[in-house]
Amino acid sequence: MLRDSSDPLLLTPGPVSISMSTKMVMLKDRASGGAEFQADIQYARDYLVGLVGGQGAYTAIPLPGSATYANEAVIAALVPPGGKLLIHTNGVYGDRLIEMCAHTGKAYTALRTPPFTPATAAQFETAIRADPALTHVMVVHCETSTGVLNPLEALVDICRRYSKGLLIDAVASFGAIDIDANRARHRLVRGPEDGAGERQGQCALAGARPLGSEPAYGPHRRFPLHATDAGARRLRAGLPRA
């Protein structure tokens, strides 16, 4: 079914318009424990992993919430006690990552560049070398507030060279811009509204190992955002890892 021309066409920054075919599928109710529902979820997880070429090495964990929900889940679940984030920001959503760390008590330092100005490889390397306590780097791939694309290639190499975990907010780029998960070996964070053109209120995490088969870093401050627990419950229930 074609889109009604009278409907507004929503573009990035999102949420973007949802296709009519997706809306039609959403009209059918499904039991959350039923075989059809589980098959739909598994298809979606496999599809998300396939978009970044992560078949066999990555998994996708769906969470019922916005992209902000997913970002906080990743920060809280994957940065261990004693860990510290280097957060790059050149816009509203980089600043939001900083707010999340401050709110959840995660240690962080900020690398700030002006709006519309990505950080250079040299700036990332200088910041990492200046702070031995850093364990992870987190960036917004496409800063939704401005549309600026923050390049990943050089950062992937730097994080590998200095053995730092790389967390990526790919809300506006996932599914729209090529990301090679197997090369980067990073954690991806994706949200619903923008690059993937999904309905609002649904997010997913993609990780280089099955989230849930790895150590959980102590009690989570917010149970619904316990990403490693969400993965572990799927494994305990015998559901596919994706």
Protein backbone atom coordinates (compact mmCIF):
# COMPACT_ATOMS: atom_id res chain seq x y z
CA MET A 1 0.00 0.00 0.00
CA LEU A 2 1.37 3.39 -0.96
CA ARG A 3 1.82 6.23 1.50
CA ASP A 4 -1.09 8.64 1.65
CA SER A 5 0.19 11.80 -0.02
CA SER A 6 -1.71 13.89 2.55
CA ASP A 7 0.42 12.47 5.38
CA PRO A 8 3.47 14.53 6.35
CA LEU A 9 6.82 13.05 5.29
CA LEU A 10 9.11 13.05 8.31
CA LEU A 11 12.84 13.09 7.65
CA THR A 12 16.01 13.00 9.77
CA PRO A 13 16.36 14.33 12.42
CA GLY A 14 13.66 11.87 13.32
CA PRO A 15 11.42 10.30 14.09
CA VAL A 16 11.11 9.51 10.41
CA SER A 17 7.98 8.35 8.62
CA ILE A 18 7.01 4.70 9.05
CA SER A 19 6.19 2.77 5.91
CA MET A 20 2.59 1.75 5.32
CA SER A 21 3.59 -1.93 5.16
CA THR A 22 5.05 -1.68 8.67
CA LYS A 23 1.94 0.07 9.95
CA MET A 24 -0.29 -2.64 8.48
CA VAL A 25 1.69 -5.41 10.22
CA MET A 26 1.37 -3.53 13.52
CA LEU A 27 -2.44 -3.75 13.30
CA LYS A 28 -2.33 -7.46 14.12
CA ASP A 29 -2.10 -8.36 17.82
CA ARG A 30 0.24 -11.15 18.88
CA ALA A 31 0.70 -12.94 22.20
CA SER A 32 4.14 -12.09 23.58
CA GLY A 33 4.82 -15.73 24.50
CA GLY A 34 3.45 -17.17 21.28
CA ALA A 35 5.42 -18.82 18.51
CA GLU A 36 4.43 -16.21 15.92
CA PHE A 37 5.55 -13.32 18.13
CA GLN A 38 8.85 -15.00 18.95
CA ALA A 39 9.45 -15.71 15.27
CA ASP A 40 8.83 -12.05 14.45
CA ILE A 41 11.27 -10.94 17.16
CA GLN A 42 13.90 -13.39 15.94
CA TYR A 43 13.51 -12.20 12.37
CA ALA A 44 13.93 -8.59 13.49
CA ARG A 45 17.04 -9.44 15.52
CA ASP A 46 18.63 -11.34 12.65
CA TYR A 47 17.79 -8.48 10.30
CA LEU A 48 19.39 -5.86 12.56
CA VAL A 49 22.57 -7.90 12.94
CA GLY A 50 22.69 -8.44 9.19
CA LEU A 51 22.55 -4.71 8.50
CA VAL A 52 26.03 -4.34 9.99
CA GLY A 53 27.40 -7.64 8.65
CA GLY A 54 27.60 -9.16 12.12
CA GLN A 55 26.11 -12.58 11.43
CA GLY A 56 27.60 -15.27 13.66
CA ALA A 57 29.55 -12.81 15.81
CA TYR A 58 26.98 -10.26 17.00
CA THR A 59 23.62 -10.38 18.69
CA ALA A 60 20.74 -7.90 19.00
CA ILE A 61 18.84 -7.34 22.25
CA PRO A 62 15.51 -5.50 21.89
CA LEU A 63 14.45 -3.10 24.64
CA PRO A 64 11.06 -1.37 24.92
CA GLY A 65 12.07 2.27 24.98
CA SER A 66 13.57 5.18 23.13
CA ALA A 67 17.11 5.56 21.85
CA THR A 68 17.95 7.42 25.06
CA TYR A 69 16.78 4.30 26.89
CA ALA A 70 19.22 2.18 24.88
CA ASN A 71 22.13 4.54 25.41
CA GLU A 72 21.68 4.55 29.18
CA ALA A 73 21.38 0.76 29.15
CA VAL A 74 24.69 0.43 27.33
CA ILE A 75 26.51 2.89 29.59
CA ALA A 76 25.21 1.27 32.76
CA ALA A 77 25.67 -2.34 31.67
CA LEU A 78 28.90 -2.32 29.68
CA VAL A 79 31.11 0.16 31.52
CA PRO A 80 32.31 -1.71 34.62
CA PRO A 81 32.78 -0.36 38.13
CA GLY A 82 36.00 1.61 38.05
CA GLY A 83 35.65 2.13 34.30
CA LYS A 84 35.68 5.54 32.71
CA LEU A 85 34.22 6.89 29.48
CA LEU A 86 35.67 9.38 27.03
CA ILE A 87 32.60 10.99 25.47
CA HIS A 88 32.86 13.08 22.34
CA THR A 89 30.21 15.73 21.88
CA ASN A 90 29.54 18.31 19.21
CA GLY A 91 25.80 18.61 19.67
CA VAL A 92 22.70 17.97 21.75
CA TYR A 93 22.93 14.18 21.75
CA GLY A 94 26.58 14.08 22.71
CA ASP A 95 25.64 16.33 25.61
CA ARG A 96 22.87 13.88 26.48
CA LEU A 97 25.43 11.10 26.88
CA ILE A 98 27.31 13.28 29.35
CA GLU A 99 24.09 13.89 31.30
CA MET A 100 23.47 10.13 31.49
CA CYS A 101 26.92 9.48 32.91
CA ALA A 102 26.52 12.24 35.47
CA HIS A 103 23.10 10.88 36.48
CA THR A 104 24.17 7.23 36.78
CA GLY A 105 27.45 8.02 38.50
CA LYS A 106 29.68 6.69 35.72
CA ALA A 107 33.08 8.34 35.56
CA TYR A 108 33.69 10.22 32.33
CA THR A 109 35.67 12.93 30.63
CA ALA A 110 34.38 14.97 27.69
CA LEU A 111 36.04 15.75 24.39
CA ARG A 112 34.08 18.72 23.08
CA THR A 113 34.33 20.17 19.59
CA PRO A 114 32.22 23.00 18.12
CA PRO A 115 28.90 22.19 16.43
CA PHE A 116 29.36 20.89 12.87
CA THR A 117 32.99 20.00 13.69
CA PRO A 118 33.94 16.33 14.14
CA ALA A 119 36.86 15.48 16.42
CA THR A 120 40.09 14.54 14.66
CA ALA A 121 41.97 11.32 15.18
CA ALA A 122 44.75 13.32 16.84
CA GLN A 123 42.29 14.82 19.34
CA PHE A 124 40.98 11.39 20.32
CA GLU A 125 44.48 9.99 20.66
CA THR A 126 45.65 12.93 22.77
CA ALA A 127 42.66 12.58 25.09
CA ILE A 128 43.20 8.83 25.50
CA ARG A 129 46.91 9.18 26.16
CA ALA A 130 46.26 11.94 28.71
CA ASP A 131 44.00 9.79 30.91
CA PRO A 132 45.16 6.21 31.67
CA ALA A 133 41.93 5.60 33.61
CA LEU A 134 39.84 5.60 30.43
CA THR A 135 38.38 2.20 29.54
CA HIS A 136 35.80 3.11 26.88
CA VAL A 137 35.09 5.72 24.23
CA MET A 138 31.54 6.70 23.25
CA VAL A 139 30.54 8.75 20.23
CA VAL A 140 27.41 9.80 18.38
CA HIS A 141 27.92 8.56 14.82
CA CYS A 142 25.46 11.00 13.27
CA GLU A 143 24.69 13.92 15.57
CA THR A 144 20.95 14.12 15.07
CA SER A 145 20.65 17.75 16.18
CA THR A 146 22.83 18.95 13.28
CA GLY A 147 23.07 16.02 10.87
CA VAL A 148 26.87 16.00 11.14
CA LEU A 149 28.51 12.63 10.56
CA ASN A 150 31.32 11.91 12.99
CA PRO A 151 33.74 9.52 11.20
CA LEU A 152 34.38 6.14 12.79
CA GLU A 153 37.23 4.61 10.80
CA ALA A 154 40.15 6.37 12.48
CA LEU A 155 38.53 6.06 15.90
CA VAL A 156 38.14 2.30 15.46
CA ASP A 157 41.87 2.00 14.81
CA ILE A 158 42.75 4.18 17.81
CA CYS A 159 40.51 2.23 20.19
CA ARG A 160 42.01 -1.03 18.97
CA ARG A 161 45.55 0.28 19.36
CA TYR A 162 44.95 1.46 22.94
CA SER A 163 42.64 -1.46 23.89
CA LYS A 164 39.63 0.75 24.62
CA GLY A 165 36.03 -0.36 24.28
CA LEU A 166 34.06 1.57 21.67
CA LEU A 167 30.38 2.40 22.20
CA ILE A 168 28.50 3.99 19.32
CA ASP A 169 25.22 5.87 19.36
CA ALA A 170 24.08 4.97 15.85
CA VAL A 171 20.48 6.13 16.23
CA ALA A 172 20.45 8.29 13.10
CA SER A 173 22.87 6.21 11.03
CA PHE A 174 22.01 2.56 11.65
CA GLY A 175 20.51 1.11 8.51
CA ALA A 176 21.18 4.27 6.49
CA ILE A 177 25.00 4.45 6.52
CA ASP A 178 27.26 1.42 6.15
CA ILE A 179 28.84 0.22 9.41
CA ASP A 180 31.21 -2.76 9.35
CA ALA A 181 30.69 -4.42 12.72
CA ASN A 182 33.27 -7.15 12.22
CA ARG A 183 36.01 -4.65 11.48
CA ALA A 184 35.21 -2.40 14.39
CA ARG A 185 34.39 -5.09 16.99
CA HIS A 186 32.49 -2.43 18.90
CA ARG A 187 29.18 -2.20 20.67
CA LEU A 188 26.45 -0.55 18.65
CA VAL A 189 23.56 1.35 20.05
CA ARG A 190 20.63 1.93 17.81
CA GLY A 191 17.33 3.63 18.30
CA PRO A 192 14.10 3.42 16.39
CA GLU A 193 13.23 6.71 14.87
CA ASP A 194 15.81 7.67 12.32
CA GLY A 195 18.09 5.51 10.19
CA ALA A 196 16.11 2.28 10.52
CA GLY A 197 12.72 3.94 10.05
CA GLU A 198 11.13 1.96 12.86
CA ARG A 199 8.22 2.94 15.05
CA GLN A 200 8.86 5.08 18.11
CA GLY A 201 9.30 3.41 21.48
CA GLN A 202 11.49 0.49 20.45
CA CYS A 203 15.27 0.29 20.58
CA ALA A 204 17.89 -2.42 20.29
CA LEU A 205 21.48 -3.04 21.28
CA ALA A 206 23.93 -4.97 19.14
CA GLY A 207 27.03 -6.40 20.75
CA ALA A 208 30.15 -8.28 19.67
CA ARG A 209 29.33 -11.11 22.08
CA PRO A 210 25.92 -12.42 23.15
CA LEU A 211 24.85 -9.85 25.72
CA GLY A 212 23.95 -12.01 28.71
CA SER A 213 26.67 -14.63 28.34
CA GLU A 214 29.23 -12.11 29.61
CA PRO A 215 29.65 -10.83 33.18
CA ALA A 216 27.04 -8.41 34.42
CA TYR A 217 28.71 -5.50 36.18
CA GLY A 218 26.92 -5.68 39.50
CA PRO A 219 23.34 -4.58 40.34
CA HIS A 220 21.83 -2.25 37.79
CA ARG A 221 20.36 0.98 39.15
CA ARG A 222 17.33 0.55 36.87
CA PHE A 223 16.13 -3.01 36.35
CA PRO A 224 14.39 -2.42 32.97
CA LEU A 225 17.69 -1.09 31.58
CA HIS A 226 19.75 -4.08 32.68
CA ALA A 227 20.96 -5.00 29.20
CA THR A 228 23.07 -8.00 30.23
CA ASP A 229 20.14 -9.38 32.21
CA ALA A 230 17.84 -8.94 29.20
CA GLY A 231 20.24 -11.03 27.14
CA ALA A 232 20.69 -13.62 29.89
CA ARG A 233 16.93 -14.11 30.25
CA ARG A 234 16.69 -14.92 26.54
CA LEU A 235 19.46 -17.50 26.91
CA ARG A 236 17.84 -19.05 29.99
CA ALA A 237 14.55 -19.33 28.13
CA GLY A 238 16.27 -21.19 25.30
CA LEU A 239 15.57 -18.43 22.79
CA PRO A 240 17.99 -18.01 19.88
CA ARG A 241 20.88 -15.62 20.36
CA ALA A 242 20.54 -14.02 16.91
